[in-house]
Amino acid sequence: MRGDTARIVQTVLFTDSGAFDRWCDTDATRFDYPVLYVRLKHDGGAFFGSGTG
């Protein structure tokens, strides 16, 4: 902890771009943070080479 803040680290393993897309599409944060959702889909699609987002 640094001061009164904490850092949470989460790791997820996806077997393919379809699994990544399903995970993104079912995460409720897409409604709370739409800009983050679009960025995540774009960057994830680039990583998998699927052009997602």
Protein backbone atom coordinates (compact mmCIF):
# COMPACT_ATOMS: atom_id res chain seq x y z
CA MET A 1 0.00 0.00 0.00
CA ARG A 2 1.09 3.48 -0.77
CA GLY A 3 -0.42 5.99 1.61
CA ASP A 4 -4.15 5.35 1.80
CA THR A 5 -4.41 3.68 -1.62
CA ALA A 6 -4.23 0.04 -2.62
CA ARG A 7 -3.43 -1.71 -5.87
CA ILE A 8 -5.33 -4.74 -7.09
CA VAL A 9 -3.79 -6.93 -9.77
CA GLN A 10 -5.92 -9.45 -11.62
CA THR A 11 -4.75 -11.96 -14.21
CA VAL A 12 -7.00 -13.72 -16.72
CA LEU A 13 -5.98 -16.27 -19.36
CA PHE A 14 -7.95 -16.42 -22.61
CA THR A 15 -7.61 -19.35 -24.99
CA ASP A 16 -8.69 -17.35 -28.05
CA SER A 17 -10.28 -14.09 -29.18
CA GLY A 18 -13.79 -15.55 -28.80
CA ALA A 19 -13.20 -16.24 -25.10
CA PHE A 20 -11.87 -12.70 -24.67
CA ASP A 21 -14.89 -11.20 -26.46
CA ARG A 22 -17.35 -13.22 -24.35
CA TRP A 23 -15.60 -12.14 -21.17
CA CYS A 24 -15.73 -8.48 -22.19
CA ASP A 25 -19.36 -8.67 -23.29
CA THR A 26 -20.55 -10.17 -19.99
CA ASP A 27 -18.65 -7.78 -17.73
CA ALA A 28 -21.05 -5.25 -16.18
CA THR A 29 -18.35 -2.55 -16.09
CA ARG A 30 -18.97 -1.97 -19.80
CA PHE A 31 -21.96 0.13 -18.71
CA ASP A 32 -20.15 1.98 -15.93
CA TYR A 33 -16.96 2.67 -17.90
CA PRO A 34 -17.85 2.61 -21.62
CA VAL A 35 -14.61 4.29 -22.72
CA LEU A 36 -12.54 1.67 -20.88
CA TYR A 37 -14.66 -1.08 -22.46
CA VAL A 38 -14.08 0.21 -26.00
CA ARG A 39 -10.36 0.59 -25.37
CA LEU A 40 -10.10 -2.90 -23.88
CA LYS A 41 -11.95 -4.47 -26.83
CA HIS A 42 -9.76 -2.57 -29.30
CA ASP A 43 -6.47 -3.43 -27.62
CA GLY A 44 -7.52 -7.04 -27.01
CA GLY A 45 -8.54 -7.41 -30.64
CA ALA A 46 -5.17 -6.07 -31.73
CA PHE A 47 -3.41 -8.53 -29.43
CA PHE A 48 -5.34 -11.51 -30.81
CA GLY A 49 -5.14 -10.18 -34.36
CA SER A 50 -8.91 -10.39 -34.68
CA GLY A 51 -9.64 -6.73 -35.29
CA THR A 52 -12.15 -6.78 -32.40
CA GLY A 53 -13.53 -3.39 -31.48
